[in-house]
Amino acid sequence: MQVRLSDDLKDRLERVAERMEMPLSTLIRTILASFAKKPEAVRLTENGFTIEQEERILRSAKATEKAIKERRAEVYRSVDDALEALEREVKK
């Protein structure tokens, strides 16, 4: 089977496949197989996530913002700063 995709759709799917660490062909087969089993479950947002994944990310972001405002979470300027803080916690 051959499928023609717009350049925009192909680019978006390639980014999703890269995030999921799989070849584009595998992603497309997986989506089609899932769609064949349960069509309503294969709805992706414009960011390439399922609706459930995107909702989870948004909930997590809101919870993190709240924790930062309540000073229950620390903000780091870099990954190195975060890793250093984590290493200090592990040593305790």
PDB file of N, CA and C in Angstrom:
ATOM      1  N   MET A   1       0.843  -1.162   0.000  1.00  0.00           N
ATOM      2  CA  MET A   1       0.000   0.000   0.000  1.00  0.00           C
ATOM      3  C   MET A   1       0.898   1.237   0.000  1.00  0.00           C
ATOM      4  N   GLN A   2       0.510   2.213  -0.769  1.00  0.00           N
ATOM      5  CA  GLN A   2       1.232   3.484  -0.776  1.00  0.00           C
ATOM      6  C   GLN A   2       0.273   4.574  -0.324  1.00  0.00           C
ATOM      7  N   VAL A   3       0.806   5.505   0.436  1.00  0.00           N
ATOM      8  CA  VAL A   3       0.000   6.609   0.935  1.00  0.00           C
ATOM      9  C   VAL A   3       0.733   7.898   0.633  1.00  0.00           C
ATOM     10  N   ARG A   4       0.009   8.874   0.123  1.00  0.00           N
ATOM     11  CA  ARG A   4       0.610  10.181  -0.133  1.00  0.00           C
ATOM     12  C   ARG A   4       0.279  11.095   1.039  1.00  0.00           C
ATOM     13  N   LEU A   5       1.308  11.739   1.548  1.00  0.00           N
ATOM     14  CA  LEU A   5       1.142  12.646   2.676  1.00  0.00           C
ATOM     15  C   LEU A   5       1.611  14.036   2.267  1.00  0.00           C
ATOM     16  N   SER A   6       0.964  15.039   2.805  1.00  0.00           N
ATOM     17  CA  SER A   6       1.469  16.391   2.582  1.00  0.00           C
ATOM     18  C   SER A   6       2.814  16.510   3.294  1.00  0.00           C
ATOM     19  N   ASP A   7       3.622  17.438   2.841  1.00  0.00           N
ATOM     20  CA  ASP A   7       4.924  17.633   3.474  1.00  0.00           C
ATOM     21  C   ASP A   7       4.764  17.981   4.951  1.00  0.00           C
ATOM     22  N   ASP A   8       3.755  18.799   5.270  1.00  0.00           N
ATOM     23  CA  ASP A   8       3.521  19.201   6.657  1.00  0.00           C
ATOM     24  C   ASP A   8       3.174  17.996   7.529  1.00  0.00           C
ATOM     25  N   LEU A   9       2.255  17.155   7.048  1.00  0.00           N
ATOM     26  CA  LEU A   9       1.863  15.973   7.824  1.00  0.00           C
ATOM     27  C   LEU A   9       3.046  15.026   7.986  1.00  0.00           C
ATOM     28  N   LYS A  10       3.791  14.829   6.923  1.00  0.00           N
ATOM     29  CA  LYS A  10       4.957  13.946   7.007  1.00  0.00           C
ATOM     30  C   LYS A  10       5.961  14.476   8.033  1.00  0.00           C
ATOM     31  N   ASP A  11       6.216  15.780   8.017  1.00  0.00           N
ATOM     32  CA  ASP A  11       7.138  16.379   8.989  1.00  0.00           C
ATOM     33  C   ASP A  11       6.643  16.166  10.416  1.00  0.00           C
ATOM     34  N   ARG A  12       5.358  16.389  10.628  1.00  0.00           N
ATOM     35  CA  ARG A  12       4.799  16.217  11.971  1.00  0.00           C
ATOM     36  C   ARG A  12       4.892  14.771  12.423  1.00  0.00           C
ATOM     37  N   LEU A  13       4.577  13.840  11.528  1.00  0.00           N
ATOM     38  CA  LEU A  13       4.662  12.421  11.882  1.00  0.00           C
ATOM     39  C   LEU A  13       6.109  11.998  12.142  1.00  0.00           C
ATOM     40  N   GLU A  14       7.038  12.549  11.374  1.00  0.00           N
ATOM     41  CA  GLU A  14       8.452  12.234  11.603  1.00  0.00           C
ATOM     42  C   GLU A  14       8.903  12.717  12.978  1.00  0.00           C
ATOM     43  N   ARG A  15       8.419  13.887  13.404  1.00  0.00           N
ATOM     44  CA  ARG A  15       8.770  14.383  14.744  1.00  0.00           C
ATOM     45  C   ARG A  15       8.192  13.483  15.822  1.00  0.00           C
ATOM     46  N   VAL A  16       6.959  13.021  15.620  1.00  0.00           N
ATOM     47  CA  VAL A  16       6.342  12.108  16.588  1.00  0.00           C
ATOM     48  C   VAL A  16       7.129  10.808  16.641  1.00  0.00           C
ATOM     49  N   ALA A  17       7.457  10.270  15.491  1.00  0.00           N
ATOM     50  CA  ALA A  17       8.218   9.011  15.431  1.00  0.00           C
ATOM     51  C   ALA A  17       9.571   9.170  16.120  1.00  0.00           C
ATOM     52  N   GLU A  18      10.206  10.312  15.911  1.00  0.00           N
ATOM     53  CA  GLU A  18      11.504  10.553  16.549  1.00  0.00           C
ATOM     54  C   GLU A  18      11.346  10.602  18.073  1.00  0.00           C
ATOM     55  N   ARG A  19      10.293  11.302  18.548  1.00  0.00           N
ATOM     56  CA  ARG A  19      10.052  11.362  19.998  1.00  0.00           C
ATOM     57  C   ARG A  19       9.787   9.986  20.576  1.00  0.00           C
ATOM     58  N   MET A  20       9.132   9.137  19.800  1.00  0.00           N
ATOM     59  CA  MET A  20       8.802   7.793  20.273  1.00  0.00           C
ATOM     60  C   MET A  20       9.915   6.794  19.965  1.00  0.00           C
ATOM     61  N   GLU A  21      11.001   7.297  19.363  1.00  0.00           N
ATOM     62  CA  GLU A  21      12.171   6.483  19.039  1.00  0.00           C
ATOM     63  C   GLU A  21      11.822   5.263  18.200  1.00  0.00           C
ATOM     64  N   MET A  22      11.107   5.517  17.112  1.00  0.00           N
ATOM     65  CA  MET A  22      10.766   4.441  16.185  1.00  0.00           C
ATOM     66  C   MET A  22      10.774   4.982  14.765  1.00  0.00           C
ATOM     67  N   PRO A  23      10.970   4.108  13.801  1.00  0.00           N
ATOM     68  CA  PRO A  23      10.913   4.544  12.404  1.00  0.00           C
ATOM     69  C   PRO A  23       9.511   5.030  12.048  1.00  0.00           C
ATOM     70  N   LEU A  24       9.439   5.940  11.100  1.00  0.00           N
ATOM     71  CA  LEU A  24       8.149   6.475  10.664  1.00  0.00           C
ATOM     72  C   LEU A  24       7.222   5.365  10.194  1.00  0.00           C
ATOM     73  N   SER A  25       7.747   4.387   9.465  1.00  0.00           N
ATOM     74  CA  SER A  25       6.905   3.296   8.955  1.00  0.00           C
ATOM     75  C   SER A  25       6.276   2.500  10.100  1.00  0.00           C
ATOM     76  N   THR A  26       7.018   2.305  11.178  1.00  0.00           N
ATOM     77  CA  THR A  26       6.491   1.583  12.343  1.00  0.00           C
ATOM     78  C   THR A  26       5.394   2.391  13.009  1.00  0.00           C
ATOM     79  N   LEU A  27       5.613   3.702  13.134  1.00  0.00           N
ATOM     80  CA  LEU A  27       4.584   4.569  13.717  1.00  0.00           C
ATOM     81  C   LEU A  27       3.297   4.494  12.906  1.00  0.00           C
ATOM     82  N   ILE A  28       3.415   4.589  11.596  1.00  0.00           N
ATOM     83  CA  ILE A  28       2.224   4.563  10.737  1.00  0.00           C
ATOM     84  C   ILE A  28       1.519   3.210  10.849  1.00  0.00           C
ATOM     85  N   ARG A  29       2.276   2.100  10.841  1.00  0.00           N
ATOM     86  CA  ARG A  29       1.655   0.779  11.004  1.00  0.00           C
ATOM     87  C   ARG A  29       0.942   0.674  12.348  1.00  0.00           C
ATOM     88  N   THR A  30       1.575   1.195  13.394  1.00  0.00           N
ATOM     89  CA  THR A  30       0.986   1.141  14.732  1.00  0.00           C
ATOM     90  C   THR A  30      -0.312   1.945  14.787  1.00  0.00           C
ATOM     91  N   ILE A  31      -0.285   3.131  14.214  1.00  0.00           N
ATOM     92  CA  ILE A  31      -1.487   3.962  14.190  1.00  0.00           C
ATOM     93  C   ILE A  31      -2.602   3.273  13.413  1.00  0.00           C
ATOM     94  N   LEU A  32      -2.275   2.724  12.270  1.00  0.00           N
ATOM     95  CA  LEU A  32      -3.296   2.056  11.452  1.00  0.00           C
ATOM     96  C   LEU A  32      -3.852   0.813  12.156  1.00  0.00           C
ATOM     97  N   ALA A  33      -2.981   0.034  12.798  1.00  0.00           N
ATOM     98  CA  ALA A  33      -3.441  -1.159  13.517  1.00  0.00           C
ATOM     99  C   ALA A  33      -4.342  -0.759  14.684  1.00  0.00           C
ATOM    100  N   SER A  34      -3.956   0.272  15.407  1.00  0.00           N
ATOM    101  CA  SER A  34      -4.780   0.745  16.524  1.00  0.00           C
ATOM    102  C   SER A  34      -6.111   1.275  16.021  1.00  0.00           C
ATOM    103  N   PHE A  35      -6.071   2.000  14.928  1.00  0.00           N
ATOM    104  CA  PHE A  35      -7.291   2.552  14.356  1.00  0.00           C
ATOM    105  C   PHE A  35      -8.236   1.448  13.903  1.00  0.00           C
ATOM    106  N   ALA A  36      -7.676   0.390  13.328  1.00  0.00           N
ATOM    107  CA  ALA A  36      -8.508  -0.727  12.869  1.00  0.00           C
ATOM    108  C   ALA A  36      -9.213  -1.406  14.037  1.00  0.00           C
ATOM    109  N   LYS A  37      -8.559  -1.445  15.206  1.00  0.00           N
ATOM    110  CA  LYS A  37      -9.157  -2.076  16.385  1.00  0.00           C
ATOM    111  C   LYS A  37     -10.143  -1.164  17.093  1.00  0.00           C
ATOM    112  N   LYS A  38      -9.765   0.115  17.231  1.00  0.00           N
ATOM    113  CA  LYS A  38     -10.577   1.043  18.016  1.00  0.00           C
ATOM    114  C   LYS A  38     -10.411   2.446  17.434  1.00  0.00           C
ATOM    115  N   PRO A  39     -11.184   2.783  16.429  1.00  0.00           N
ATOM    116  CA  PRO A  39     -10.997   4.054  15.717  1.00  0.00           C
ATOM    117  C   PRO A  39     -11.033   5.294  16.617  1.00  0.00           C
ATOM    118  N   GLU A  40     -11.857   5.305  17.625  1.00  0.00           N
ATOM    119  CA  GLU A  40     -11.971   6.500  18.467  1.00  0.00           C
ATOM    120  C   GLU A  40     -10.760   6.722  19.369  1.00  0.00           C
ATOM    121  N   ALA A  41      -9.901   5.718  19.523  1.00  0.00           N
ATOM    122  CA  ALA A  41      -8.745   5.827  20.423  1.00  0.00           C
ATOM    123  C   ALA A  41      -7.519   6.445  19.758  1.00  0.00           C
ATOM    124  N   VAL A  42      -7.556   6.631  18.466  1.00  0.00           N
ATOM    125  CA  VAL A  42      -6.360   7.091  17.756  1.00  0.00           C
ATOM    126  C   VAL A  42      -6.520   8.548  17.329  1.00  0.00           C
ATOM    127  N   ARG A  43      -6.799   9.382  18.277  1.00  0.00           N
ATOM    128  CA  ARG A  43      -6.894  10.811  17.989  1.00  0.00           C
ATOM    129  C   ARG A  43      -5.671  11.476  18.596  1.00  0.00           C
ATOM    130  N   LEU A  44      -4.881  12.108  17.746  1.00  0.00           N
ATOM    131  CA  LEU A  44      -3.672  12.790  18.204  1.00  0.00           C
ATOM    132  C   LEU A  44      -3.894  14.293  18.175  1.00  0.00           C
ATOM    133  N   THR A  45      -3.281  14.975  19.113  1.00  0.00           N
ATOM    134  CA  THR A  45      -3.346  16.430  19.139  1.00  0.00           C
ATOM    135  C   THR A  45      -2.365  16.978  18.118  1.00  0.00           C
ATOM    136  N   GLU A  46      -2.365  18.287  17.945  1.00  0.00           N
ATOM    137  CA  GLU A  46      -1.449  18.894  16.978  1.00  0.00           C
ATOM    138  C   GLU A  46       0.011  18.719  17.385  1.00  0.00           C
ATOM    139  N   ASN A  47       0.255  18.388  18.664  1.00  0.00           N
ATOM    140  CA  ASN A  47       1.621  18.155  19.138  1.00  0.00           C
ATOM    141  C   ASN A  47       2.055  16.709  18.953  1.00  0.00           C
ATOM    142  N   GLY A  48       1.160  15.854  18.454  1.00  0.00           N
ATOM    143  CA  GLY A  48       1.522  14.466  18.207  1.00  0.00           C
ATOM    144  C   GLY A  48       1.288  13.544  19.381  1.00  0.00           C
ATOM    145  N   PHE A  49       0.650  14.054  20.436  1.00  0.00           N
ATOM    146  CA  PHE A  49       0.330  13.219  21.585  1.00  0.00           C
ATOM    147  C   PHE A  49      -1.119  12.766  21.499  1.00  0.00           C
ATOM    148  N   THR A  50      -1.435  11.671  22.209  1.00  0.00           N
ATOM    149  CA  THR A  50      -2.850  11.324  22.315  1.00  0.00           C
ATOM    150  C   THR A  50      -3.489  12.368  23.225  1.00  0.00           C
ATOM    151  N   ILE A  51      -4.791  12.448  23.189  1.00  0.00           N
ATOM    152  CA  ILE A  51      -5.497  13.412  24.030  1.00  0.00           C
ATOM    153  C   ILE A  51      -5.182  13.152  25.498  1.00  0.00           C
ATOM    154  N   GLU A  52      -5.145  11.880  25.883  1.00  0.00           N
ATOM    155  CA  GLU A  52      -4.846  11.522  27.271  1.00  0.00           C
ATOM    156  C   GLU A  52      -3.439  11.965  27.670  1.00  0.00           C
ATOM    157  N   GLN A  53      -2.468  11.763  26.773  1.00  0.00           N
ATOM    158  CA  GLN A  53      -1.091  12.168  27.072  1.00  0.00           C
ATOM    159  C   GLN A  53      -1.003  13.684  27.231  1.00  0.00           C
ATOM    160  N   GLU A  54      -1.647  14.408  26.328  1.00  0.00           N
ATOM    161  CA  GLU A  54      -1.585  15.865  26.404  1.00  0.00           C
ATOM    162  C   GLU A  54      -2.276  16.375  27.671  1.00  0.00           C
ATOM    163  N   GLU A  55      -3.412  15.792  28.035  1.00  0.00           N
ATOM    164  CA  GLU A  55      -4.096  16.190  29.263  1.00  0.00           C
ATOM    165  C   GLU A  55      -3.220  15.922  30.483  1.00  0.00           C
ATOM    166  N   ARG A  56      -2.511  14.795  30.476  1.00  0.00           N
ATOM    167  CA  ARG A  56      -1.614  14.462  31.590  1.00  0.00           C
ATOM    168  C   ARG A  56      -0.477  15.470  31.685  1.00  0.00           C
ATOM    169  N   ILE A  57       0.093  15.838  30.557  1.00  0.00           N
ATOM    170  CA  ILE A  57       1.172  16.825  30.538  1.00  0.00           C
ATOM    171  C   ILE A  57       0.671  18.160  31.076  1.00  0.00           C
ATOM    172  N   LEU A  58      -0.516  18.586  30.633  1.00  0.00           N
ATOM    173  CA  LEU A  58      -1.063  19.865  31.095  1.00  0.00           C
ATOM    174  C   LEU A  58      -1.364  19.842  32.592  1.00  0.00           C
ATOM    175  N   ARG A  59      -1.908  18.723  33.088  1.00  0.00           N
ATOM    176  CA  ARG A  59      -2.164  18.605  34.533  1.00  0.00           C
ATOM    177  C   ARG A  59      -0.858  18.684  35.314  1.00  0.00           C
ATOM    178  N   SER A  60       0.160  18.011  34.815  1.00  0.00           N
ATOM    179  CA  SER A  60       1.457  18.020  35.474  1.00  0.00           C
ATOM    180  C   SER A  60       2.055  19.427  35.477  1.00  0.00           C
ATOM    181  N   ALA A  61       1.940  20.126  34.374  1.00  0.00           N
ATOM    182  CA  ALA A  61       2.467  21.493  34.292  1.00  0.00           C
ATOM    183  C   ALA A  61       1.754  22.406  35.287  1.00  0.00           C
ATOM    184  N   LYS A  62       0.437  22.285  35.381  1.00  0.00           N
ATOM    185  CA  LYS A  62      -0.322  23.108  36.331  1.00  0.00           C
ATOM    186  C   LYS A  62       0.055  22.769  37.767  1.00  0.00           C
ATOM    187  N   ALA A  63       0.202  21.490  38.055  1.00  0.00           N
ATOM    188  CA  ALA A  63       0.591  21.076  39.413  1.00  0.00           C
ATOM    189  C   ALA A  63       1.985  21.592  39.752  1.00  0.00           C
ATOM    190  N   THR A  64       2.876  21.578  38.776  1.00  0.00           N
ATOM    191  CA  THR A  64       4.234  22.072  38.988  1.00  0.00           C
ATOM    192  C   THR A  64       4.232  23.574  39.240  1.00  0.00           C
ATOM    193  N   GLU A  65       3.452  24.311  38.440  1.00  0.00           N
ATOM    194  CA  GLU A  65       3.349  25.762  38.650  1.00  0.00           C
ATOM    195  C   GLU A  65       2.832  26.065  40.048  1.00  0.00           C
ATOM    196  N   LYS A  66       1.830  25.329  40.479  1.00  0.00           N
ATOM    197  CA  LYS A  66       1.260  25.530  41.814  1.00  0.00           C
ATOM    198  C   LYS A  66       2.307  25.223  42.893  1.00  0.00           C
ATOM    199  N   ALA A  67       3.042  24.133  42.729  1.00  0.00           N
ATOM    200  CA  ALA A  67       4.065  23.756  43.706  1.00  0.00           C
ATOM    201  C   ALA A  67       5.167  24.810  43.780  1.00  0.00           C
ATOM    202  N   ILE A  68       5.520  25.377  42.643  1.00  0.00           N
ATOM    203  CA  ILE A  68       6.545  26.427  42.633  1.00  0.00           C
ATOM    204  C   ILE A  68       6.037  27.661  43.378  1.00  0.00           C
ATOM    205  N   LYS A  69       4.803  28.062  43.105  1.00  0.00           N
ATOM    206  CA  LYS A  69       4.222  29.232  43.783  1.00  0.00           C
ATOM    207  C   LYS A  69       4.141  29.008  45.287  1.00  0.00           C
ATOM    208  N   GLU A  70       3.846  27.784  45.703  1.00  0.00           N
ATOM    209  CA  GLU A  70       3.734  27.459  47.125  1.00  0.00           C
ATOM    210  C   GLU A  70       5.088  27.106  47.738  1.00  0.00           C
ATOM    211  N   ARG A  71       6.144  27.246  46.949  1.00  0.00           N
ATOM    212  CA  ARG A  71       7.522  26.958  47.376  1.00  0.00           C
ATOM    213  C   ARG A  71       7.707  25.505  47.831  1.00  0.00           C
ATOM    214  N   ARG A  72       6.950  24.598  47.231  1.00  0.00           N
ATOM    215  CA  ARG A  72       7.114  23.167  47.506  1.00  0.00           C
ATOM    216  C   ARG A  72       8.002  22.522  46.454  1.00  0.00           C
ATOM    217  N   ALA A  73       8.419  23.308  45.469  1.00  0.00           N
ATOM    218  CA  ALA A  73       9.300  22.802  44.409  1.00  0.00           C
ATOM    219  C   ALA A  73      10.353  23.858  44.115  1.00  0.00           C
ATOM    220  N   GLU A  74      11.504  23.408  43.695  1.00  0.00           N
ATOM    221  CA  GLU A  74      12.585  24.331  43.361  1.00  0.00           C
ATOM    222  C   GLU A  74      12.656  24.512  41.852  1.00  0.00           C
ATOM    223  N   VAL A  75      13.121  25.674  41.458  1.00  0.00           N
ATOM    224  CA  VAL A  75      13.317  25.973  40.044  1.00  0.00           C
ATOM    225  C   VAL A  75      14.818  26.003  39.782  1.00  0.00           C
ATOM    226  N   TYR A  76      15.238  25.328  38.735  1.00  0.00           N
ATOM    227  CA  TYR A  76      16.660  25.274  38.383  1.00  0.00           C
ATOM    228  C   TYR A  76      16.876  25.972  37.049  1.00  0.00           C
ATOM    229  N   ARG A  77      18.017  26.586  36.913  1.00  0.00           N
ATOM    230  CA  ARG A  77      18.330  27.315  35.686  1.00  0.00           C
ATOM    231  C   ARG A  77      18.921  26.421  34.604  1.00  0.00           C
ATOM    232  N   SER A  78      19.377  25.238  35.009  1.00  0.00           N
ATOM    233  CA  SER A  78      19.961  24.328  34.018  1.00  0.00           C
ATOM    234  C   SER A  78      19.792  22.889  34.492  1.00  0.00           C
ATOM    235  N   VAL A  79      20.019  21.975  33.587  1.00  0.00           N
ATOM    236  CA  VAL A  79      19.973  20.559  33.923  1.00  0.00           C
ATOM    237  C   VAL A  79      21.076  20.238  34.918  1.00  0.00           C
ATOM    238  N   ASP A  80      22.230  20.859  34.735  1.00  0.00           N
ATOM    239  CA  ASP A  80      23.343  20.615  35.665  1.00  0.00           C
ATOM    240  C   ASP A  80      22.968  21.010  37.093  1.00  0.00           C
ATOM    241  N   ASP A  81      22.307  22.166  37.245  1.00  0.00           N
ATOM    242  CA  ASP A  81      21.874  22.597  38.580  1.00  0.00           C
ATOM    243  C   ASP A  81      20.895  21.588  39.181  1.00  0.00           C
ATOM    244  N   ALA A  82      19.975  21.108  38.380  1.00  0.00           N
ATOM    245  CA  ALA A  82      18.987  20.146  38.866  1.00  0.00           C
ATOM    246  C   ALA A  82      19.662  18.838  39.268  1.00  0.00           C
ATOM    247  N   LEU A  83      20.597  18.376  38.459  1.00  0.00           N
ATOM    248  CA  LEU A  83      21.303  17.133  38.771  1.00  0.00           C
ATOM    249  C   LEU A  83      22.148  17.273  40.032  1.00  0.00           C
ATOM    250  N   GLU A  84      22.789  18.420  40.203  1.00  0.00           N
ATOM    251  CA  GLU A  84      23.579  18.658  41.409  1.00  0.00           C
ATOM    252  C   GLU A  84      22.690  18.612  42.659  1.00  0.00           C
ATOM    253  N   ALA A  85      21.524  19.234  42.571  1.00  0.00           N
ATOM    254  CA  ALA A  85      20.589  19.229  43.701  1.00  0.00           C
ATOM    255  C   ALA A  85      20.113  17.799  43.986  1.00  0.00           C
ATOM    256  N   LEU A  86      19.854  17.053  42.940  1.00  0.00           N
ATOM    257  CA  LEU A  86      19.420  15.669  43.118  1.00  0.00           C
ATOM    258  C   LEU A  86      20.529  14.842  43.763  1.00  0.00           C
ATOM    259  N   GLU A  87      21.741  15.029  43.314  1.00  0.00           N
ATOM    260  CA  GLU A  87      22.879  14.297  43.886  1.00  0.00           C
ATOM    261  C   GLU A  87      23.072  14.649  45.363  1.00  0.00           C
ATOM    262  N   ARG A  88      22.866  15.926  45.728  1.00  0.00           N
ATOM    263  CA  ARG A  88      22.957  16.314  47.137  1.00  0.00           C
ATOM    264  C   ARG A  88      21.889  15.610  47.966  1.00  0.00           C
ATOM    265  N   GLU A  89      20.685  15.485  47.411  1.00  0.00           N
ATOM    266  CA  GLU A  89      19.595  14.809  48.121  1.00  0.00           C
ATOM    267  C   GLU A  89      19.898  13.326  48.318  1.00  0.00           C
ATOM    268  N   VAL A  90      20.488  12.709  47.303  1.00  0.00           N
ATOM    269  CA  VAL A  90      20.799  11.276  47.377  1.00  0.00           C
ATOM    270  C   VAL A  90      21.860  11.022  48.444  1.00  0.00           C
ATOM    271  N   LYS A  91      22.797  11.956  48.585  1.00  0.00           N
ATOM    272  CA  LYS A  91      23.874  11.794  49.568  1.00  0.00           C
ATOM    273  C   LYS A  91      23.388  11.947  51.001  1.00  0.00           C
ATOM    274  N   LYS A  92      22.237  12.577  51.212  1.00  0.00           N
ATOM    275  CA  LYS A  92      21.729  12.795  52.569  1.00  0.00           C
ATOM    276  C   LYS A  92      21.378  11.507  53.265  1.00  0.00           C
TER     277      LYS A  92
END
